[in-house]
């Protein structure tokens, strides 16, 4: 397997950060609910684009978990903190279930819908993948990306034009990439509930109260399943700023 290009910042415990669907190292630098620049002052932060954004990549979550472990092996990381947003949450959880000895702690930001709540999502993803051509993406997908509201309004108010910069990033992939990543998402799900309930790693779960693509109920259920977990809901800019300290404190307690 070819390894993706890595971006490594900071010193300290290794922390591999995994982006969400239609996100990238570039877009996570534009906006992340966890300030990655601040995070890199506390850890050795490793980031990369899944499959190097290849239009022929396998974006199923099992395959992306294999890629993650290959990245860790290439850096000689026997153990690391894992974290990410949305799809990055999924890959972190799969790694924690499949390779528990490699994972020291988890930071799970806005988990995606799963299990019985994922059936409708999979149907939409399959439709999107079927409509993408070699040269263009369908207009309805372009509108979906432009209307996406997962960037909180409080962040946009404090950082004007962030939403537009995110849209530009998310519309900047090769057309076939959209087909591949949505096919991967349609074929994937979180590990079963009983497997997640076996996770014993320190876990910080972060959620937004009104993100329709990442329901608060999903974060709450993960919080109930993972014994050694705590949950933070971020509703405004003050809570966003407090979250950055919470993350630093959480990492300081990881052995």
C-alpha atoms as a PDB file:
ATOM      1  CA  UNK A   1       0.000   0.000   0.000  1.00  0.00           C
ATOM      2  CA  UNK A   2       1.317   3.439  -0.930  1.00  0.00           C
ATOM      3  CA  UNK A   3       1.566   5.754   2.038  1.00  0.00           C
ATOM      4  CA  UNK A   4      -0.004   9.219   1.911  1.00  0.00           C
ATOM      5  CA  UNK A   5       2.047  12.360   2.332  1.00  0.00           C
ATOM      6  CA  UNK A   6       2.262  13.252   6.023  1.00  0.00           C
ATOM      7  CA  UNK A   7       2.067  16.612   7.769  1.00  0.00           C
ATOM      8  CA  UNK A   8       3.732  16.526  11.194  1.00  0.00           C
ATOM      9  CA  UNK A   9       3.689  19.449  13.634  1.00  0.00           C
ATOM     10  CA  UNK A  10       4.909  19.856  17.196  1.00  0.00           C
ATOM     11  CA  UNK A  11       6.598  17.627  19.749  1.00  0.00           C
ATOM     12  CA  UNK A  12       5.266  15.327  22.421  1.00  0.00           C
ATOM     13  CA  UNK A  13       2.996  12.320  22.419  1.00  0.00           C
ATOM     14  CA  UNK A  14       2.073  11.140  18.912  1.00  0.00           C
ATOM     15  CA  UNK A  15      -1.479  12.126  17.984  1.00  0.00           C
ATOM     16  CA  UNK A  16      -2.855  11.096  14.595  1.00  0.00           C
ATOM     17  CA  UNK A  17      -5.721  13.339  13.479  1.00  0.00           C
ATOM     18  CA  UNK A  18      -8.154  12.004  10.855  1.00  0.00           C
ATOM     19  CA  UNK A  19     -10.320  14.260   8.711  1.00  0.00           C
ATOM     20  CA  UNK A  20     -13.982  13.851   7.813  1.00  0.00           C
ATOM     21  CA  UNK A  21     -15.661  13.102   4.488  1.00  0.00           C
ATOM     22  CA  UNK A  22     -14.932  15.785   1.868  1.00  0.00           C
ATOM     23  CA  UNK A  23     -12.457  17.321   4.281  1.00  0.00           C
ATOM     24  CA  UNK A  24      -8.675  17.241   4.026  1.00  0.00           C
ATOM     25  CA  UNK A  25      -5.520  18.490   5.699  1.00  0.00           C
ATOM     26  CA  UNK A  26      -6.167  21.776   3.893  1.00  0.00           C
ATOM     27  CA  UNK A  27      -9.792  22.211   5.005  1.00  0.00           C
ATOM     28  CA  UNK A  28      -9.037  21.125   8.586  1.00  0.00           C
ATOM     29  CA  UNK A  29      -6.501  23.954   8.644  1.00  0.00           C
ATOM     30  CA  UNK A  30      -9.291  26.343   7.638  1.00  0.00           C
ATOM     31  CA  UNK A  31     -11.702  25.090  10.313  1.00  0.00           C
ATOM     32  CA  UNK A  32     -11.681  22.443  12.997  1.00  0.00           C
ATOM     33  CA  UNK A  33     -13.745  22.355  16.170  1.00  0.00           C
ATOM     34  CA  UNK A  34     -10.482  21.477  17.884  1.00  0.00           C
ATOM     35  CA  UNK A  35      -7.856  24.111  17.073  1.00  0.00           C
ATOM     36  CA  UNK A  36      -5.162  21.969  15.462  1.00  0.00           C
ATOM     37  CA  UNK A  37      -2.556  24.713  15.653  1.00  0.00           C
ATOM     38  CA  UNK A  38      -3.012  24.865  19.421  1.00  0.00           C
ATOM     39  CA  UNK A  39      -3.109  21.072  19.634  1.00  0.00           C
ATOM     40  CA  UNK A  40       0.287  20.827  17.920  1.00  0.00           C
ATOM     41  CA  UNK A  41       1.797  22.758  20.831  1.00  0.00           C
ATOM     42  CA  UNK A  42       0.948  19.856  23.139  1.00  0.00           C
ATOM     43  CA  UNK A  43       1.582  16.793  20.940  1.00  0.00           C
ATOM     44  CA  UNK A  44       3.351  15.575  17.846  1.00  0.00           C
ATOM     45  CA  UNK A  45       0.395  16.006  15.500  1.00  0.00           C
ATOM     46  CA  UNK A  46       0.309  13.762  12.436  1.00  0.00           C
ATOM     47  CA  UNK A  47      -2.162  14.512   9.635  1.00  0.00           C
ATOM     48  CA  UNK A  48      -2.694  13.204   6.129  1.00  0.00           C
ATOM     49  CA  UNK A  49      -5.306  12.994   3.377  1.00  0.00           C
ATOM     50  CA  UNK A  50      -6.950   9.587   3.176  1.00  0.00           C
ATOM     51  CA  UNK A  51      -5.526   7.744   0.155  1.00  0.00           C
ATOM     52  CA  UNK A  52      -3.733  10.988  -0.748  1.00  0.00           C
ATOM     53  CA  UNK A  53      -7.098  12.109  -2.220  1.00  0.00           C
ATOM     54  CA  UNK A  54      -6.690   9.520  -4.978  1.00  0.00           C
ATOM     55  CA  UNK A  55      -9.608   9.191  -7.386  1.00  0.00           C
ATOM     56  CA  UNK A  56      -9.012   5.420  -7.328  1.00  0.00           C
ATOM     57  CA  UNK A  57      -8.647   5.000  -3.561  1.00  0.00           C
ATOM     58  CA  UNK A  58     -10.544   2.510  -1.420  1.00  0.00           C
ATOM     59  CA  UNK A  59     -12.429   4.710   1.064  1.00  0.00           C
ATOM     60  CA  UNK A  60     -14.239   1.937   2.890  1.00  0.00           C
ATOM     61  CA  UNK A  61     -13.649   2.382   6.589  1.00  0.00           C
ATOM     62  CA  UNK A  62     -11.920  -0.977   6.980  1.00  0.00           C
ATOM     63  CA  UNK A  63      -9.437  -0.035   4.248  1.00  0.00           C
ATOM     64  CA  UNK A  64      -8.848   3.400   5.774  1.00  0.00           C
ATOM     65  CA  UNK A  65      -8.174   1.745   9.135  1.00  0.00           C
ATOM     66  CA  UNK A  66      -5.539  -0.415   7.445  1.00  0.00           C
ATOM     67  CA  UNK A  67      -4.029   2.737   5.943  1.00  0.00           C
ATOM     68  CA  UNK A  68      -3.933   4.374   9.384  1.00  0.00           C
ATOM     69  CA  UNK A  69      -2.037   1.434  10.888  1.00  0.00           C
ATOM     70  CA  UNK A  70       0.395   1.467   7.952  1.00  0.00           C
ATOM     71  CA  UNK A  71       1.027   5.164   8.621  1.00  0.00           C
ATOM     72  CA  UNK A  72       1.652   4.404  12.305  1.00  0.00           C
ATOM     73  CA  UNK A  73       4.009   1.563  11.345  1.00  0.00           C
ATOM     74  CA  UNK A  74       5.949   3.835   8.996  1.00  0.00           C
ATOM     75  CA  UNK A  75       6.551   6.202  11.928  1.00  0.00           C
ATOM     76  CA  UNK A  76       7.396   3.347  14.311  1.00  0.00           C
ATOM     77  CA  UNK A  77       4.472   4.295  16.555  1.00  0.00           C
ATOM     78  CA  UNK A  78       3.623   1.399  18.812  1.00  0.00           C
ATOM     79  CA  UNK A  79       1.008   3.526  20.557  1.00  0.00           C
ATOM     80  CA  UNK A  80      -0.683   6.813  19.741  1.00  0.00           C
ATOM     81  CA  UNK A  81      -3.625   9.015  20.554  1.00  0.00           C
ATOM     82  CA  UNK A  82      -6.232   8.938  17.783  1.00  0.00           C
ATOM     83  CA  UNK A  83      -8.780  11.574  16.965  1.00  0.00           C
ATOM     84  CA  UNK A  84     -10.763  13.120  14.192  1.00  0.00           C
ATOM     85  CA  UNK A  85     -14.094  14.405  13.045  1.00  0.00           C
ATOM     86  CA  UNK A  86     -17.046  12.504  11.528  1.00  0.00           C
ATOM     87  CA  UNK A  87     -15.484   9.853   9.265  1.00  0.00           C
ATOM     88  CA  UNK A  88     -12.273  10.345  11.247  1.00  0.00           C
ATOM     89  CA  UNK A  89     -14.232   9.301  14.351  1.00  0.00           C
ATOM     90  CA  UNK A  90     -15.251   6.119  12.552  1.00  0.00           C
ATOM     91  CA  UNK A  91     -11.678   5.215  11.606  1.00  0.00           C
ATOM     92  CA  UNK A  92     -10.494   5.954  15.164  1.00  0.00           C
ATOM     93  CA  UNK A  93     -13.154   3.632  16.601  1.00  0.00           C
ATOM     94  CA  UNK A  94     -12.384   0.857  14.123  1.00  0.00           C
ATOM     95  CA  UNK A  95      -8.706   1.119  15.047  1.00  0.00           C
ATOM     96  CA  UNK A  96      -9.513   1.043  18.771  1.00  0.00           C
ATOM     97  CA  UNK A  97     -11.587  -2.122  18.270  1.00  0.00           C
ATOM     98  CA  UNK A  98      -9.181  -3.900  15.920  1.00  0.00           C
ATOM     99  CA  UNK A  99      -5.879  -2.737  17.414  1.00  0.00           C
ATOM    100  CA  UNK A 100      -6.588  -1.851  21.059  1.00  0.00           C
ATOM    101  CA  UNK A 101      -2.937  -2.288  22.032  1.00  0.00           C
ATOM    102  CA  UNK A 102      -1.945   0.527  19.640  1.00  0.00           C
ATOM    103  CA  UNK A 103      -4.397   3.161  20.906  1.00  0.00           C
ATOM    104  CA  UNK A 104      -3.691   5.202  24.045  1.00  0.00           C
ATOM    105  CA  UNK A 105      -6.706   7.521  23.965  1.00  0.00           C
ATOM    106  CA  UNK A 106      -9.453   8.804  21.653  1.00  0.00           C
ATOM    107  CA  UNK A 107     -10.735  12.280  20.781  1.00  0.00           C
ATOM    108  CA  UNK A 108     -14.002  11.889  18.860  1.00  0.00           C
ATOM    109  CA  UNK A 109     -15.482  15.050  17.332  1.00  0.00           C
ATOM    110  CA  UNK A 110     -19.045  15.093  15.905  1.00  0.00           C
ATOM    111  CA  UNK A 111     -19.553  11.332  15.349  1.00  0.00           C
ATOM    112  CA  UNK A 112     -21.430  10.309  12.185  1.00  0.00           C
ATOM    113  CA  UNK A 113     -24.787   8.495  12.135  1.00  0.00           C
ATOM    114  CA  UNK A 114     -24.463   4.735  12.619  1.00  0.00           C
ATOM    115  CA  UNK A 115     -26.310   1.424  12.730  1.00  0.00           C
ATOM    116  CA  UNK A 116     -30.080   1.711  12.115  1.00  0.00           C
ATOM    117  CA  UNK A 117     -29.699   5.487  11.692  1.00  0.00           C
ATOM    118  CA  UNK A 118     -27.267   5.005   8.822  1.00  0.00           C
ATOM    119  CA  UNK A 119     -29.577   3.299   6.330  1.00  0.00           C
ATOM    120  CA  UNK A 120     -30.895   6.557   4.876  1.00  0.00           C
ATOM    121  CA  UNK A 121     -27.380   8.002   4.731  1.00  0.00           C
ATOM    122  CA  UNK A 122     -26.129   4.985   2.785  1.00  0.00           C
ATOM    123  CA  UNK A 123     -28.952   5.332   0.254  1.00  0.00           C
ATOM    124  CA  UNK A 124     -28.076   8.989  -0.343  1.00  0.00           C
ATOM    125  CA  UNK A 125     -24.393   8.137  -0.706  1.00  0.00           C
ATOM    126  CA  UNK A 126     -25.149   5.428  -3.264  1.00  0.00           C
ATOM    127  CA  UNK A 127     -27.256   7.865  -5.276  1.00  0.00           C
ATOM    128  CA  UNK A 128     -24.470  10.458  -5.242  1.00  0.00           C
ATOM    129  CA  UNK A 129     -21.859   7.918  -6.348  1.00  0.00           C
ATOM    130  CA  UNK A 130     -24.061   6.739  -9.221  1.00  0.00           C
ATOM    131  CA  UNK A 131     -24.531  10.275 -10.580  1.00  0.00           C
ATOM    132  CA  UNK A 132     -20.878  11.364 -10.614  1.00  0.00           C
ATOM    133  CA  UNK A 133     -19.146  11.224 -14.008  1.00  0.00           C
ATOM    134  CA  UNK A 134     -15.474  11.218 -14.957  1.00  0.00           C
ATOM    135  CA  UNK A 135     -15.635  14.931 -15.758  1.00  0.00           C
ATOM    136  CA  UNK A 136     -18.188  16.490 -13.412  1.00  0.00           C
ATOM    137  CA  UNK A 137     -20.171  16.193 -10.219  1.00  0.00           C
ATOM    138  CA  UNK A 138     -23.990  16.482 -10.256  1.00  0.00           C
ATOM    139  CA  UNK A 139     -25.583  19.842  -9.520  1.00  0.00           C
ATOM    140  CA  UNK A 140     -27.458  18.468  -6.511  1.00  0.00           C
ATOM    141  CA  UNK A 141     -24.151  17.435  -4.896  1.00  0.00           C
ATOM    142  CA  UNK A 142     -22.690  20.857  -5.562  1.00  0.00           C
ATOM    143  CA  UNK A 143     -25.751  22.407  -3.877  1.00  0.00           C
ATOM    144  CA  UNK A 144     -25.456  19.995  -0.930  1.00  0.00           C
ATOM    145  CA  UNK A 145     -21.859  21.045  -0.376  1.00  0.00           C
ATOM    146  CA  UNK A 146     -22.718  24.730  -0.670  1.00  0.00           C
ATOM    147  CA  UNK A 147     -25.631  24.436   1.784  1.00  0.00           C
ATOM    148  CA  UNK A 148     -23.791  22.312   4.337  1.00  0.00           C
ATOM    149  CA  UNK A 149     -24.064  23.918   7.767  1.00  0.00           C
ATOM    150  CA  UNK A 150     -21.636  21.839   9.835  1.00  0.00           C
ATOM    151  CA  UNK A 151     -19.563  24.963  10.416  1.00  0.00           C
ATOM    152  CA  UNK A 152     -21.167  26.528  13.544  1.00  0.00           C
ATOM    153  CA  UNK A 153     -22.575  30.006  13.086  1.00  0.00           C
ATOM    154  CA  UNK A 154     -20.616  31.278  16.090  1.00  0.00           C
ATOM    155  CA  UNK A 155     -17.354  30.326  14.339  1.00  0.00           C
ATOM    156  CA  UNK A 156     -18.368  32.026  11.095  1.00  0.00           C
ATOM    157  CA  UNK A 157     -19.248  35.199  13.009  1.00  0.00           C
ATOM    158  CA  UNK A 158     -15.844  35.262  14.678  1.00  0.00           C
ATOM    159  CA  UNK A 159     -14.018  34.235  11.479  1.00  0.00           C
ATOM    160  CA  UNK A 160     -15.903  35.671   8.478  1.00  0.00           C
ATOM    161  CA  UNK A 161     -15.643  33.884   5.113  1.00  0.00           C
ATOM    162  CA  UNK A 162     -14.562  30.596   6.718  1.00  0.00           C
ATOM    163  CA  UNK A 163     -17.641  28.878   5.271  1.00  0.00           C
ATOM    164  CA  UNK A 164     -16.797  30.025   1.737  1.00  0.00           C
ATOM    165  CA  UNK A 165     -13.208  28.818   2.084  1.00  0.00           C
ATOM    166  CA  UNK A 166     -14.486  25.432   3.272  1.00  0.00           C
ATOM    167  CA  UNK A 167     -16.842  25.166   0.300  1.00  0.00           C
ATOM    168  CA  UNK A 168     -13.970  25.891  -2.075  1.00  0.00           C
ATOM    169  CA  UNK A 169     -11.912  23.116  -0.466  1.00  0.00           C
ATOM    170  CA  UNK A 170     -14.775  20.634  -0.625  1.00  0.00           C
ATOM    171  CA  UNK A 171     -15.468  21.383  -4.295  1.00  0.00           C
ATOM    172  CA  UNK A 172     -11.811  21.057  -5.244  1.00  0.00           C
ATOM    173  CA  UNK A 173     -11.420  17.290  -5.658  1.00  0.00           C
ATOM    174  CA  UNK A 174     -11.275  15.362  -8.927  1.00  0.00           C
ATOM    175  CA  UNK A 175     -14.816  14.290  -9.956  1.00  0.00           C
ATOM    176  CA  UNK A 176     -14.171  10.564  -9.542  1.00  0.00           C
ATOM    177  CA  UNK A 177     -12.972  11.156  -5.979  1.00  0.00           C
ATOM    178  CA  UNK A 178     -16.549  11.992  -4.953  1.00  0.00           C
ATOM    179  CA  UNK A 179     -17.800   8.722  -6.383  1.00  0.00           C
ATOM    180  CA  UNK A 180     -15.114   6.731  -4.587  1.00  0.00           C
ATOM    181  CA  UNK A 181     -15.482   8.358  -1.189  1.00  0.00           C
ATOM    182  CA  UNK A 182     -19.283   8.122  -1.220  1.00  0.00           C
ATOM    183  CA  UNK A 183     -19.095   4.467  -2.276  1.00  0.00           C
ATOM    184  CA  UNK A 184     -16.757   3.892   0.662  1.00  0.00           C
ATOM    185  CA  UNK A 185     -19.155   5.610   3.029  1.00  0.00           C
ATOM    186  CA  UNK A 186     -22.120   3.671   1.671  1.00  0.00           C
ATOM    187  CA  UNK A 187     -20.330   0.374   2.308  1.00  0.00           C
ATOM    188  CA  UNK A 188     -19.288   1.232   5.865  1.00  0.00           C
ATOM    189  CA  UNK A 189     -20.572   1.602   9.405  1.00  0.00           C
ATOM    190  CA  UNK A 190     -19.230   1.995  12.923  1.00  0.00           C
ATOM    191  CA  UNK A 191     -18.190  -1.155  14.789  1.00  0.00           C
ATOM    192  CA  UNK A 192     -21.112  -2.901  16.470  1.00  0.00           C
ATOM    193  CA  UNK A 193     -22.314  -1.506  19.777  1.00  0.00           C
ATOM    194  CA  UNK A 194     -21.023  -4.473  21.788  1.00  0.00           C
ATOM    195  CA  UNK A 195     -17.530  -3.990  20.319  1.00  0.00           C
ATOM    196  CA  UNK A 196     -17.472  -0.273  21.105  1.00  0.00           C
ATOM    197  CA  UNK A 197     -18.599  -1.098  24.644  1.00  0.00           C
ATOM    198  CA  UNK A 198     -15.374  -3.083  25.063  1.00  0.00           C
ATOM    199  CA  UNK A 199     -13.205   0.030  24.527  1.00  0.00           C
ATOM    200  CA  UNK A 200     -11.478   0.988  27.764  1.00  0.00           C
ATOM    201  CA  UNK A 201      -9.293   3.840  26.520  1.00  0.00           C
ATOM    202  CA  UNK A 202      -9.668   7.392  27.867  1.00  0.00           C
ATOM    203  CA  UNK A 203     -12.079   9.032  25.442  1.00  0.00           C
ATOM    204  CA  UNK A 204     -13.157  12.628  24.910  1.00  0.00           C
ATOM    205  CA  UNK A 205     -16.317  13.062  22.819  1.00  0.00           C
ATOM    206  CA  UNK A 206     -17.146  16.489  21.375  1.00  0.00           C
ATOM    207  CA  UNK A 207     -20.500  17.404  19.845  1.00  0.00           C
ATOM    208  CA  UNK A 208     -22.517  20.323  18.529  1.00  0.00           C
ATOM    209  CA  UNK A 209     -26.133  20.706  19.680  1.00  0.00           C
ATOM    210  CA  UNK A 210     -27.737  21.258  16.267  1.00  0.00           C
ATOM    211  CA  UNK A 211     -25.598  19.600  13.580  1.00  0.00           C
ATOM    212  CA  UNK A 212     -28.144  17.599  11.554  1.00  0.00           C
ATOM    213  CA  UNK A 213     -25.423  15.583   9.811  1.00  0.00           C
ATOM    214  CA  UNK A 214     -23.880  14.553  13.141  1.00  0.00           C
ATOM    215  CA  UNK A 215     -26.767  14.114  15.585  1.00  0.00           C
ATOM    216  CA  UNK A 216     -26.135  14.894  19.231  1.00  0.00           C
ATOM    217  CA  UNK A 217     -27.836  11.592  20.081  1.00  0.00           C
ATOM    218  CA  UNK A 218     -25.010   9.722  18.359  1.00  0.00           C
ATOM    219  CA  UNK A 219     -22.396  11.354  20.575  1.00  0.00           C
ATOM    220  CA  UNK A 220     -24.546  10.671  23.636  1.00  0.00           C
ATOM    221  CA  UNK A 221     -24.834   6.982  22.772  1.00  0.00           C
ATOM    222  CA  UNK A 222     -21.079   6.626  22.301  1.00  0.00           C
ATOM    223  CA  UNK A 223     -20.631   8.353  25.652  1.00  0.00           C
ATOM    224  CA  UNK A 224     -22.940   5.765  27.252  1.00  0.00           C
ATOM    225  CA  UNK A 225     -21.180   2.835  25.542  1.00  0.00           C
ATOM    226  CA  UNK A 226     -17.558   3.777  26.283  1.00  0.00           C
ATOM    227  CA  UNK A 227     -16.996   3.401  30.006  1.00  0.00           C
ATOM    228  CA  UNK A 228     -13.996   5.699  30.324  1.00  0.00           C
ATOM    229  CA  UNK A 229     -15.427   8.600  28.321  1.00  0.00           C
ATOM    230  CA  UNK A 230     -16.464  12.185  28.892  1.00  0.00           C
ATOM    231  CA  UNK A 231     -18.537  14.398  26.600  1.00  0.00           C
ATOM    232  CA  UNK A 232     -18.468  18.110  25.808  1.00  0.00           C
ATOM    233  CA  UNK A 233     -21.181  19.969  23.865  1.00  0.00           C
ATOM    234  CA  UNK A 234     -20.032  23.207  22.231  1.00  0.00           C
ATOM    235  CA  UNK A 235     -22.827  25.753  21.744  1.00  0.00           C
ATOM    236  CA  UNK A 236     -21.030  29.101  21.479  1.00  0.00           C
ATOM    237  CA  UNK A 237     -17.647  30.717  21.030  1.00  0.00           C
ATOM    238  CA  UNK A 238     -16.840  30.792  24.745  1.00  0.00           C
ATOM    239  CA  UNK A 239     -17.450  27.055  24.946  1.00  0.00           C
ATOM    240  CA  UNK A 240     -15.306  26.594  21.845  1.00  0.00           C
ATOM    241  CA  UNK A 241     -12.453  28.410  23.583  1.00  0.00           C
ATOM    242  CA  UNK A 242     -12.970  26.360  26.753  1.00  0.00           C
ATOM    243  CA  UNK A 243     -12.857  23.192  24.651  1.00  0.00           C
ATOM    244  CA  UNK A 244      -9.264  23.907  23.667  1.00  0.00           C
ATOM    245  CA  UNK A 245      -8.238  23.883  27.341  1.00  0.00           C
ATOM    246  CA  UNK A 246     -10.308  20.748  27.949  1.00  0.00           C
ATOM    247  CA  UNK A 247      -8.428  18.968  25.161  1.00  0.00           C
ATOM    248  CA  UNK A 248      -5.053  20.025  26.573  1.00  0.00           C
ATOM    249  CA  UNK A 249      -6.061  18.856  30.073  1.00  0.00           C
ATOM    250  CA  UNK A 250      -7.327  15.565  28.652  1.00  0.00           C
ATOM    251  CA  UNK A 251      -4.042  14.930  26.840  1.00  0.00           C
ATOM    252  CA  UNK A 252      -2.013  15.809  29.949  1.00  0.00           C
ATOM    253  CA  UNK A 253      -3.731  12.930  31.767  1.00  0.00           C
ATOM    254  CA  UNK A 254      -2.889  10.369  29.076  1.00  0.00           C
ATOM    255  CA  UNK A 255       0.104   8.333  30.358  1.00  0.00           C
END
